[in-house]
Amino acid sequence: LTKHHLDMAYNLPLALFADPSVIITHHAQQLADSLNIPLISDPQGYQVFFSLTPDCLELIALEEASKKPSSLRVDFTTIKNLHRIRNPHKELLIRAIKIRRKIPAAVVDATGGLGRDAFLLAAAGCKVDVFERNCLIGALLADGLKRAALTPQTAYVCDRIRLHIQNTVKH
């Protein structure tokens, strides 16, 4: 999904469509309630909606001009990401945060987004407090972290991350 699709999600009615096997666990209703969106059994009529399956949470955008929907999910277990976390010290972000040639023990990522930087920092050995102010993006990030914690190659990284879905700036 692009920035355009995320803007659509903020400006159009949004709902959570859940796989029937997920509805039974009440997880779907809890998620819908936390996002303040309805839980639906059919996404027809929605241009943008969350889809919750036993595998993941995705944000789906349907466009009339395209036959294939666009989707956004957080997945830290891709081949590309596994390669990045095997060699975190080669990444520019990790080289940039070194203080006196050492990586800090703790870092605050105040603009969490989809968590790529936070995950890389944690893979390099930092304890990371990641803040995401948008509850919709935060839900995707929480889902990605939950699934990564269940994967042996990425579980140790997730142990170093604490997610806070709140704004870090006071008005």
N, C-alpha and C. Protein backbone atom coordinates (compact mmCIF):
# COMPACT_ATOMS: atom_id res chain seq x y z
N LEU A 1 0.83 -1.19 0.00
CA LEU A 1 0.00 0.00 0.00
C LEU A 1 0.87 1.25 0.00
N THR A 2 0.36 2.27 -0.60
CA THR A 2 1.08 3.53 -0.66
C THR A 2 0.51 4.51 0.35
N LYS A 3 1.13 5.69 0.44
CA LYS A 3 0.60 6.75 1.31
C LYS A 3 -0.83 7.08 0.93
N HIS A 4 -1.13 7.04 -0.37
CA HIS A 4 -2.49 7.29 -0.86
C HIS A 4 -3.48 6.32 -0.21
N HIS A 5 -3.10 5.04 -0.14
CA HIS A 5 -3.98 4.04 0.46
C HIS A 5 -4.17 4.29 1.96
N LEU A 6 -3.11 4.70 2.65
CA LEU A 6 -3.24 5.00 4.07
C LEU A 6 -4.14 6.20 4.28
N ASP A 7 -4.01 7.21 3.41
CA ASP A 7 -4.91 8.36 3.49
C ASP A 7 -6.35 7.94 3.28
N MET A 8 -6.56 6.99 2.36
CA MET A 8 -7.91 6.46 2.13
C MET A 8 -8.45 5.84 3.41
N ALA A 9 -7.60 5.11 4.11
CA ALA A 9 -8.03 4.42 5.34
C ALA A 9 -8.49 5.42 6.39
N TYR A 10 -7.91 6.61 6.41
CA TYR A 10 -8.29 7.62 7.39
C TYR A 10 -9.55 8.37 6.99
N ASN A 11 -9.86 8.39 5.69
CA ASN A 11 -10.97 9.20 5.21
C ASN A 11 -12.19 8.41 4.78
N LEU A 12 -12.13 7.11 4.78
CA LEU A 12 -13.25 6.27 4.37
C LEU A 12 -13.70 5.42 5.55
N PRO A 13 -14.94 4.93 5.48
CA PRO A 13 -15.37 3.99 6.53
C PRO A 13 -14.43 2.79 6.57
N LEU A 14 -14.08 2.36 7.74
CA LEU A 14 -13.13 1.27 7.92
C LEU A 14 -13.77 0.22 8.81
N ALA A 15 -13.48 -1.04 8.55
CA ALA A 15 -14.04 -2.13 9.34
C ALA A 15 -13.03 -3.26 9.42
N LEU A 16 -13.35 -4.24 10.25
CA LEU A 16 -12.51 -5.43 10.39
C LEU A 16 -13.30 -6.63 9.88
N PHE A 17 -12.78 -7.25 8.85
CA PHE A 17 -13.35 -8.48 8.32
C PHE A 17 -12.51 -9.62 8.88
N ALA A 18 -13.16 -10.57 9.53
CA ALA A 18 -12.40 -11.65 10.19
C ALA A 18 -12.80 -13.01 9.65
N ASP A 19 -11.80 -13.84 9.52
CA ASP A 19 -12.00 -15.24 9.17
C ASP A 19 -12.88 -15.88 10.25
N PRO A 20 -13.83 -16.73 9.88
CA PRO A 20 -14.71 -17.34 10.90
C PRO A 20 -13.96 -18.06 12.03
N SER A 21 -12.81 -18.65 11.74
CA SER A 21 -12.07 -19.34 12.80
C SER A 21 -11.50 -18.37 13.83
N VAL A 22 -11.29 -17.13 13.46
CA VAL A 22 -10.77 -16.12 14.38
C VAL A 22 -11.90 -15.55 15.23
N ILE A 23 -13.08 -15.43 14.65
CA ILE A 23 -14.23 -14.88 15.38
C ILE A 23 -14.54 -15.73 16.61
N ILE A 24 -14.38 -17.04 16.48
CA ILE A 24 -14.67 -17.95 17.59
C ILE A 24 -13.82 -17.63 18.82
N THR A 25 -12.59 -17.16 18.63
CA THR A 25 -11.69 -16.90 19.75
C THR A 25 -11.95 -15.55 20.42
N HIS A 26 -12.84 -14.76 19.89
CA HIS A 26 -13.17 -13.42 20.40
C HIS A 26 -12.04 -12.42 20.18
N HIS A 27 -10.94 -12.86 19.61
CA HIS A 27 -9.84 -11.94 19.31
C HIS A 27 -10.29 -10.86 18.32
N ALA A 28 -11.08 -11.26 17.34
CA ALA A 28 -11.53 -10.31 16.33
C ALA A 28 -12.36 -9.19 16.94
N GLN A 29 -13.28 -9.53 17.81
CA GLN A 29 -14.12 -8.50 18.43
C GLN A 29 -13.29 -7.59 19.32
N GLN A 30 -12.35 -8.16 20.05
CA GLN A 30 -11.47 -7.34 20.89
C GLN A 30 -10.66 -6.37 20.05
N LEU A 31 -10.14 -6.83 18.91
CA LEU A 31 -9.36 -5.97 18.04
C LEU A 31 -10.25 -4.87 17.44
N ALA A 32 -11.43 -5.24 16.97
CA ALA A 32 -12.35 -4.24 16.40
C ALA A 32 -12.70 -3.19 17.45
N ASP A 33 -12.96 -3.62 18.67
CA ASP A 33 -13.28 -2.68 19.74
C ASP A 33 -12.11 -1.75 20.03
N SER A 34 -10.90 -2.30 20.06
CA SER A 34 -9.73 -1.47 20.37
C SER A 34 -9.46 -0.44 19.27
N LEU A 35 -9.83 -0.77 18.03
CA LEU A 35 -9.64 0.16 16.92
C LEU A 35 -10.86 1.04 16.70
N ASN A 36 -11.92 0.77 17.44
CA ASN A 36 -13.16 1.53 17.34
C ASN A 36 -13.75 1.44 15.92
N ILE A 37 -13.74 0.22 15.37
CA ILE A 37 -14.31 -0.03 14.05
C ILE A 37 -15.23 -1.25 14.15
N PRO A 38 -16.21 -1.36 13.24
CA PRO A 38 -17.11 -2.52 13.30
C PRO A 38 -16.45 -3.80 12.83
N LEU A 39 -16.92 -4.91 13.39
CA LEU A 39 -16.53 -6.24 12.94
C LEU A 39 -17.58 -6.67 11.92
N ILE A 40 -17.15 -7.02 10.72
CA ILE A 40 -18.09 -7.36 9.65
C ILE A 40 -17.87 -8.79 9.16
N SER A 41 -18.91 -9.38 8.60
CA SER A 41 -18.80 -10.73 8.06
C SER A 41 -18.60 -10.73 6.54
N ASP A 42 -18.77 -9.55 5.92
CA ASP A 42 -18.58 -9.44 4.48
C ASP A 42 -18.01 -8.05 4.18
N PRO A 43 -16.86 -7.98 3.51
CA PRO A 43 -16.25 -6.67 3.26
C PRO A 43 -16.88 -5.89 2.10
N GLN A 44 -17.88 -6.46 1.46
CA GLN A 44 -18.49 -5.77 0.32
C GLN A 44 -19.03 -4.40 0.76
N GLY A 45 -18.73 -3.39 -0.02
CA GLY A 45 -19.14 -2.04 0.29
C GLY A 45 -18.04 -1.22 0.94
N TYR A 46 -16.94 -1.87 1.32
CA TYR A 46 -15.80 -1.17 1.92
C TYR A 46 -14.66 -1.11 0.90
N GLN A 47 -14.10 0.09 0.72
CA GLN A 47 -12.93 0.24 -0.15
C GLN A 47 -11.65 -0.13 0.60
N VAL A 48 -11.64 0.12 1.90
CA VAL A 48 -10.48 -0.17 2.74
C VAL A 48 -10.99 -0.89 3.98
N PHE A 49 -10.32 -2.00 4.33
CA PHE A 49 -10.72 -2.75 5.52
C PHE A 49 -9.54 -3.58 6.02
N PHE A 50 -9.60 -3.91 7.30
CA PHE A 50 -8.64 -4.84 7.86
C PHE A 50 -9.16 -6.25 7.61
N SER A 51 -8.26 -7.16 7.33
CA SER A 51 -8.59 -8.57 7.19
C SER A 51 -7.79 -9.34 8.23
N LEU A 52 -8.49 -10.07 9.09
CA LEU A 52 -7.83 -10.85 10.13
C LEU A 52 -8.04 -12.32 9.86
N THR A 53 -6.95 -13.03 9.67
CA THR A 53 -6.97 -14.48 9.48
C THR A 53 -6.13 -15.11 10.58
N PRO A 54 -6.13 -16.43 10.70
CA PRO A 54 -5.23 -17.05 11.68
C PRO A 54 -3.76 -16.74 11.41
N ASP A 55 -3.42 -16.38 10.16
CA ASP A 55 -2.04 -16.11 9.79
C ASP A 55 -1.57 -14.70 10.08
N CYS A 56 -2.44 -13.69 9.85
CA CYS A 56 -1.98 -12.31 10.02
C CYS A 56 -3.13 -11.32 9.97
N LEU A 57 -2.77 -10.07 10.26
CA LEU A 57 -3.66 -8.93 10.12
C LEU A 57 -3.14 -8.12 8.94
N GLU A 58 -4.02 -7.77 8.01
CA GLU A 58 -3.65 -6.98 6.84
C GLU A 58 -4.62 -5.83 6.66
N LEU A 59 -4.12 -4.75 6.11
CA LEU A 59 -4.97 -3.66 5.68
C LEU A 59 -5.12 -3.81 4.17
N ILE A 60 -6.37 -3.93 3.71
CA ILE A 60 -6.67 -4.17 2.30
C ILE A 60 -7.31 -2.93 1.70
N ALA A 61 -6.87 -2.54 0.51
CA ALA A 61 -7.46 -1.42 -0.22
C ALA A 61 -7.90 -1.92 -1.60
N LEU A 62 -9.16 -1.69 -1.90
CA LEU A 62 -9.71 -2.07 -3.20
C LEU A 62 -9.83 -0.82 -4.06
N GLU A 63 -9.37 -0.91 -5.29
CA GLU A 63 -9.49 0.21 -6.21
C GLU A 63 -10.21 -0.27 -7.45
N GLU A 64 -11.11 0.57 -7.94
CA GLU A 64 -11.90 0.20 -9.11
C GLU A 64 -11.02 -0.05 -10.33
N ALA A 65 -9.96 0.71 -10.49
CA ALA A 65 -9.09 0.59 -11.67
C ALA A 65 -8.25 -0.68 -11.66
N SER A 66 -8.06 -1.28 -10.49
CA SER A 66 -7.20 -2.46 -10.37
C SER A 66 -8.03 -3.68 -9.99
N LYS A 67 -7.73 -4.79 -10.61
CA LYS A 67 -8.45 -6.03 -10.29
C LYS A 67 -7.90 -6.68 -9.03
N LYS A 68 -6.63 -6.41 -8.74
CA LYS A 68 -5.99 -7.01 -7.57
C LYS A 68 -5.96 -6.00 -6.43
N PRO A 69 -6.41 -6.38 -5.24
CA PRO A 69 -6.36 -5.44 -4.11
C PRO A 69 -4.92 -5.20 -3.65
N SER A 70 -4.71 -4.04 -3.07
CA SER A 70 -3.42 -3.73 -2.45
C SER A 70 -3.53 -4.11 -0.98
N SER A 71 -2.42 -4.55 -0.40
CA SER A 71 -2.47 -4.93 1.01
C SER A 71 -1.21 -4.48 1.73
N LEU A 72 -1.35 -4.31 3.01
CA LEU A 72 -0.23 -3.92 3.86
C LEU A 72 -0.27 -4.77 5.12
N ARG A 73 0.84 -5.41 5.41
CA ARG A 73 1.00 -6.14 6.66
C ARG A 73 2.45 -6.03 7.09
N VAL A 74 2.70 -6.29 8.34
CA VAL A 74 4.06 -6.25 8.87
C VAL A 74 4.55 -7.69 8.97
N ASP A 75 5.68 -7.97 8.31
CA ASP A 75 6.24 -9.32 8.34
C ASP A 75 7.75 -9.23 8.51
N PHE A 76 8.21 -9.57 9.70
CA PHE A 76 9.64 -9.52 10.00
C PHE A 76 10.34 -10.83 9.65
N THR A 77 9.62 -11.80 9.11
CA THR A 77 10.20 -13.11 8.84
C THR A 77 10.51 -13.34 7.37
N THR A 78 10.48 -12.29 6.56
CA THR A 78 10.81 -12.44 5.15
C THR A 78 12.31 -12.74 4.99
N ILE A 79 12.65 -13.31 3.87
CA ILE A 79 14.06 -13.61 3.58
C ILE A 79 14.90 -12.34 3.64
N LYS A 80 14.39 -11.26 3.06
CA LYS A 80 15.12 -9.99 3.05
C LYS A 80 15.37 -9.49 4.47
N ASN A 81 14.35 -9.55 5.31
CA ASN A 81 14.52 -9.07 6.69
C ASN A 81 15.44 -9.99 7.49
N LEU A 82 15.33 -11.29 7.30
CA LEU A 82 16.22 -12.22 8.00
C LEU A 82 17.68 -11.94 7.63
N HIS A 83 17.92 -11.61 6.37
CA HIS A 83 19.29 -11.27 5.96
C HIS A 83 19.75 -9.98 6.65
N ARG A 84 18.87 -8.98 6.74
CA ARG A 84 19.23 -7.71 7.39
C ARG A 84 19.59 -7.93 8.86
N ILE A 85 18.84 -8.77 9.56
CA ILE A 85 19.10 -8.93 11.00
C ILE A 85 20.26 -9.88 11.28
N ARG A 86 20.66 -10.66 10.29
CA ARG A 86 21.86 -11.49 10.48
C ARG A 86 23.13 -10.64 10.44
N ASN A 87 23.06 -9.53 9.72
CA ASN A 87 24.20 -8.64 9.56
C ASN A 87 23.82 -7.20 9.90
N PRO A 88 23.30 -6.94 11.08
CA PRO A 88 22.81 -5.59 11.37
C PRO A 88 23.90 -4.53 11.38
N HIS A 89 25.12 -4.90 11.67
CA HIS A 89 26.20 -3.92 11.79
C HIS A 89 26.63 -3.35 10.44
N LYS A 90 26.16 -3.95 9.35
CA LYS A 90 26.43 -3.41 8.02
C LYS A 90 25.42 -2.34 7.62
N GLU A 91 24.33 -2.23 8.37
CA GLU A 91 23.27 -1.28 8.03
C GLU A 91 23.66 0.14 8.44
N LEU A 92 23.30 1.10 7.60
CA LEU A 92 23.63 2.51 7.88
C LEU A 92 23.04 3.00 9.20
N LEU A 93 21.83 2.61 9.51
CA LEU A 93 21.20 3.04 10.75
C LEU A 93 22.04 2.60 11.96
N ILE A 94 22.51 1.39 11.95
CA ILE A 94 23.29 0.87 13.08
C ILE A 94 24.64 1.59 13.16
N ARG A 95 25.25 1.83 12.03
CA ARG A 95 26.52 2.57 12.05
C ARG A 95 26.31 4.00 12.52
N ALA A 96 25.16 4.59 12.22
CA ALA A 96 24.89 5.98 12.59
C ALA A 96 24.62 6.17 14.08
N ILE A 97 24.11 5.16 14.75
CA ILE A 97 23.76 5.34 16.17
C ILE A 97 24.91 5.03 17.12
N LYS A 98 26.01 4.56 16.61
CA LYS A 98 27.13 4.23 17.50
C LYS A 98 27.66 5.47 18.20
N ILE A 99 27.83 5.32 19.49
CA ILE A 99 28.39 6.38 20.32
C ILE A 99 29.72 5.85 20.85
N ARG A 100 30.78 6.53 20.52
CA ARG A 100 32.14 6.06 20.88
C ARG A 100 32.35 4.61 20.45
N ARG A 101 31.92 4.34 19.23
CA ARG A 101 32.06 3.03 18.59
C ARG A 101 31.26 1.92 19.26
N LYS A 102 30.33 2.28 20.12
CA LYS A 102 29.48 1.28 20.77
C LYS A 102 28.01 1.58 20.46
N ILE A 103 27.26 0.51 20.35
CA ILE A 103 25.82 0.65 20.15
C ILE A 103 25.18 0.88 21.51
N PRO A 104 24.27 1.86 21.62
CA PRO A 104 23.63 2.12 22.92
C PRO A 104 22.82 0.91 23.40
N ALA A 105 22.74 0.77 24.72
CA ALA A 105 22.01 -0.35 25.31
C ALA A 105 20.50 -0.19 25.15
N ALA A 106 20.04 1.04 25.12
CA ALA A 106 18.60 1.30 25.01
C ALA A 106 18.35 2.45 24.05
N VAL A 107 17.28 2.32 23.29
CA VAL A 107 16.92 3.32 22.29
C VAL A 107 15.41 3.52 22.32
N VAL A 108 14.99 4.76 22.10
CA VAL A 108 13.57 5.07 21.94
C VAL A 108 13.34 5.40 20.48
N ASP A 109 12.45 4.67 19.85
CA ASP A 109 12.03 4.97 18.49
C ASP A 109 10.67 5.65 18.62
N ALA A 110 10.66 6.97 18.51
CA ALA A 110 9.45 7.76 18.76
C ALA A 110 8.53 7.84 17.55
N THR A 111 8.96 7.31 16.43
CA THR A 111 8.14 7.29 15.22
C THR A 111 8.14 5.87 14.66
N GLY A 112 7.50 4.97 15.37
CA GLY A 112 7.58 3.55 15.08
C GLY A 112 7.19 3.10 13.70
N GLY A 113 6.10 3.65 13.18
CA GLY A 113 5.64 3.23 11.86
C GLY A 113 5.46 1.72 11.78
N LEU A 114 5.99 1.12 10.75
CA LEU A 114 5.86 -0.33 10.57
C LEU A 114 6.98 -1.12 11.24
N GLY A 115 7.82 -0.45 12.01
CA GLY A 115 8.77 -1.12 12.89
C GLY A 115 10.08 -1.57 12.29
N ARG A 116 10.37 -1.22 11.07
CA ARG A 116 11.62 -1.70 10.45
C ARG A 116 12.86 -1.24 11.20
N ASP A 117 12.92 0.04 11.55
CA ASP A 117 14.09 0.55 12.28
C ASP A 117 14.19 -0.06 13.67
N ALA A 118 13.07 -0.12 14.37
CA ALA A 118 13.07 -0.69 15.72
C ALA A 118 13.55 -2.14 15.70
N PHE A 119 13.09 -2.90 14.71
CA PHE A 119 13.47 -4.31 14.62
C PHE A 119 14.96 -4.44 14.34
N LEU A 120 15.48 -3.59 13.48
CA LEU A 120 16.91 -3.61 13.17
C LEU A 120 17.74 -3.22 14.39
N LEU A 121 17.30 -2.20 15.11
CA LEU A 121 18.01 -1.79 16.33
C LEU A 121 18.04 -2.91 17.36
N ALA A 122 16.91 -3.59 17.51
CA ALA A 122 16.84 -4.71 18.47
C ALA A 122 17.73 -5.87 18.01
N ALA A 123 17.79 -6.10 16.71
CA ALA A 123 18.66 -7.17 16.19
C ALA A 123 20.12 -6.86 16.45
N ALA A 124 20.47 -5.58 16.51
CA ALA A 124 21.85 -5.17 16.78
C ALA A 124 22.18 -5.22 18.27
N GLY A 125 21.18 -5.50 19.11
CA GLY A 125 21.44 -5.65 20.54
C GLY A 125 20.81 -4.60 21.44
N CYS A 126 20.15 -3.61 20.88
CA CYS A 126 19.52 -2.56 21.70
C CYS A 126 18.20 -3.04 22.28
N LYS A 127 17.90 -2.56 23.48
CA LYS A 127 16.54 -2.65 24.00
C LYS A 127 15.81 -1.46 23.39
N VAL A 128 14.65 -1.71 22.77
CA VAL A 128 13.97 -0.65 22.04
C VAL A 128 12.56 -0.45 22.57
N ASP A 129 12.26 0.79 22.95
CA ASP A 129 10.89 1.21 23.22
C ASP A 129 10.41 1.91 21.97
N VAL A 130 9.45 1.31 21.29
CA VAL A 130 8.95 1.88 20.04
C VAL A 130 7.55 2.44 20.28
N PHE A 131 7.35 3.69 19.85
CA PHE A 131 6.09 4.39 20.02
C PHE A 131 5.46 4.61 18.65
N GLU A 132 4.20 4.26 18.53
CA GLU A 132 3.43 4.55 17.32
C GLU A 132 2.13 5.21 17.75
N ARG A 133 1.90 6.41 17.25
CA ARG A 133 0.74 7.18 17.68
C ARG A 133 -0.55 6.74 17.02
N ASN A 134 -0.47 6.15 15.84
CA ASN A 134 -1.66 5.75 15.11
C ASN A 134 -2.05 4.32 15.48
N CYS A 135 -3.24 4.15 16.03
CA CYS A 135 -3.66 2.83 16.49
C CYS A 135 -3.82 1.83 15.33
N LEU A 136 -4.14 2.31 14.12
CA LEU A 136 -4.28 1.41 12.98
C LEU A 136 -2.92 0.82 12.58
N ILE A 137 -1.92 1.68 12.46
CA ILE A 137 -0.57 1.20 12.16
C ILE A 137 -0.03 0.40 13.34
N GLY A 138 -0.33 0.85 14.55
CA GLY A 138 0.09 0.12 15.74
C GLY A 138 -0.45 -1.31 15.78
N ALA A 139 -1.68 -1.49 15.33
CA ALA A 139 -2.27 -2.84 15.29
C ALA A 139 -1.52 -3.73 14.32
N LEU A 140 -1.15 -3.19 13.15
CA LEU A 140 -0.37 -3.96 12.19
C LEU A 140 1.00 -4.32 12.75
N LEU A 141 1.64 -3.34 13.41
CA LEU A 141 2.95 -3.58 14.01
C LEU A 141 2.87 -4.61 15.13
N ALA A 142 1.87 -4.51 15.97
CA ALA A 142 1.70 -5.48 17.06
C ALA A 142 1.52 -6.89 16.51
N ASP A 143 0.75 -7.01 15.45
CA ASP A 143 0.54 -8.32 14.83
C ASP A 143 1.84 -8.87 14.26
N GLY A 144 2.61 -8.02 13.58
CA GLY A 144 3.89 -8.46 13.03
C GLY A 144 4.86 -8.91 14.10
N LEU A 145 4.90 -8.16 15.21
CA LEU A 145 5.78 -8.54 16.32
C LEU A 145 5.33 -9.84 16.98
N LYS A 146 4.03 -10.01 17.11
CA LYS A 146 3.49 -11.24 17.72
C LYS A 146 3.88 -12.46 16.89
N ARG A 147 3.75 -12.36 15.58
CA ARG A 147 4.11 -13.48 14.71
C ARG A 147 5.61 -13.71 14.70
N ALA A 148 6.40 -12.64 14.71
CA ALA A 148 7.86 -12.79 14.72
C ALA A 148 8.35 -13.42 16.02
N ALA A 149 7.64 -13.17 17.12
CA ALA A 149 8.01 -13.76 18.41
C ALA A 149 7.81 -15.28 18.41
N LEU A 150 7.00 -15.78 17.51
CA LEU A 150 6.74 -17.22 17.41
C LEU A 150 7.71 -17.94 16.47
N THR A 151 8.57 -17.17 15.82
CA THR A 151 9.52 -17.73 14.85
C THR A 151 10.91 -17.78 15.50
N PRO A 152 11.54 -18.95 15.54
CA PRO A 152 12.84 -19.07 16.22
C PRO A 152 13.91 -18.09 15.73
N GLN A 153 13.95 -17.78 14.42
CA GLN A 153 14.99 -16.89 13.90
C GLN A 153 14.79 -15.44 14.33
N THR A 154 13.59 -15.07 14.79
CA THR A 154 13.32 -13.67 15.12
C THR A 154 12.83 -13.46 16.55
N ALA A 155 12.57 -14.52 17.28
CA ALA A 155 12.02 -14.39 18.63
C ALA A 155 12.95 -13.59 19.56
N TYR A 156 14.26 -13.81 19.45
CA TYR A 156 15.20 -13.09 20.32
C TYR A 156 15.16 -11.59 20.09
N VAL A 157 14.86 -11.18 18.87
CA VAL A 157 14.77 -9.76 18.55
C VAL A 157 13.53 -9.17 19.22
N CYS A 158 12.42 -9.87 19.12
CA CYS A 158 11.16 -9.39 19.72
C CYS A 158 11.27 -9.25 21.23
N ASP A 159 12.10 -10.07 21.86
CA ASP A 159 12.29 -9.97 23.32
C ASP A 159 12.88 -8.62 23.72
N ARG A 160 13.49 -7.91 22.79
CA ARG A 160 14.13 -6.63 23.09
C ARG A 160 13.26 -5.42 22.74
N ILE A 161 12.03 -5.67 22.26
CA ILE A 161 11.16 -4.58 21.81
C ILE A 161 9.93 -4.47 22.69
N ARG A 162 9.64 -3.22 23.12
CA ARG A 162 8.37 -2.92 23.80
C ARG A 162 7.62 -1.93 22.95
N LEU A 163 6.41 -2.29 22.56
CA LEU A 163 5.58 -1.44 21.72
C LEU A 163 4.62 -0.64 22.58
N HIS A 164 4.56 0.66 22.30
CA HIS A 164 3.63 1.57 22.98
C HIS A 164 2.80 2.23 21.89
N ILE A 165 1.50 2.04 21.93
CA ILE A 165 0.65 2.69 20.94
C ILE A 165 0.11 3.96 21.59
N GLN A 166 0.89 5.01 21.42
CA GLN A 166 0.56 6.31 21.97
C GLN A 166 1.46 7.36 21.36
N ASN A 167 1.06 8.60 21.46
CA ASN A 167 1.83 9.71 20.93
C ASN A 167 2.94 10.07 21.91
N THR A 168 4.12 10.33 21.41
CA THR A 168 5.23 10.73 22.29
C THR A 168 5.31 12.23 22.48
N VAL A 169 4.48 12.97 21.73
CA VAL A 169 4.51 14.44 21.81
C VAL A 169 3.30 14.92 22.60
N LYS A 170 3.54 15.76 23.60
CA LYS A 170 2.44 16.34 24.36
C LYS A 170 2.09 17.68 23.72
N HIS A 171 0.81 17.95 23.66
CA HIS A 171 0.34 19.21 23.04
C HIS A 171 0.33 20.34 24.04
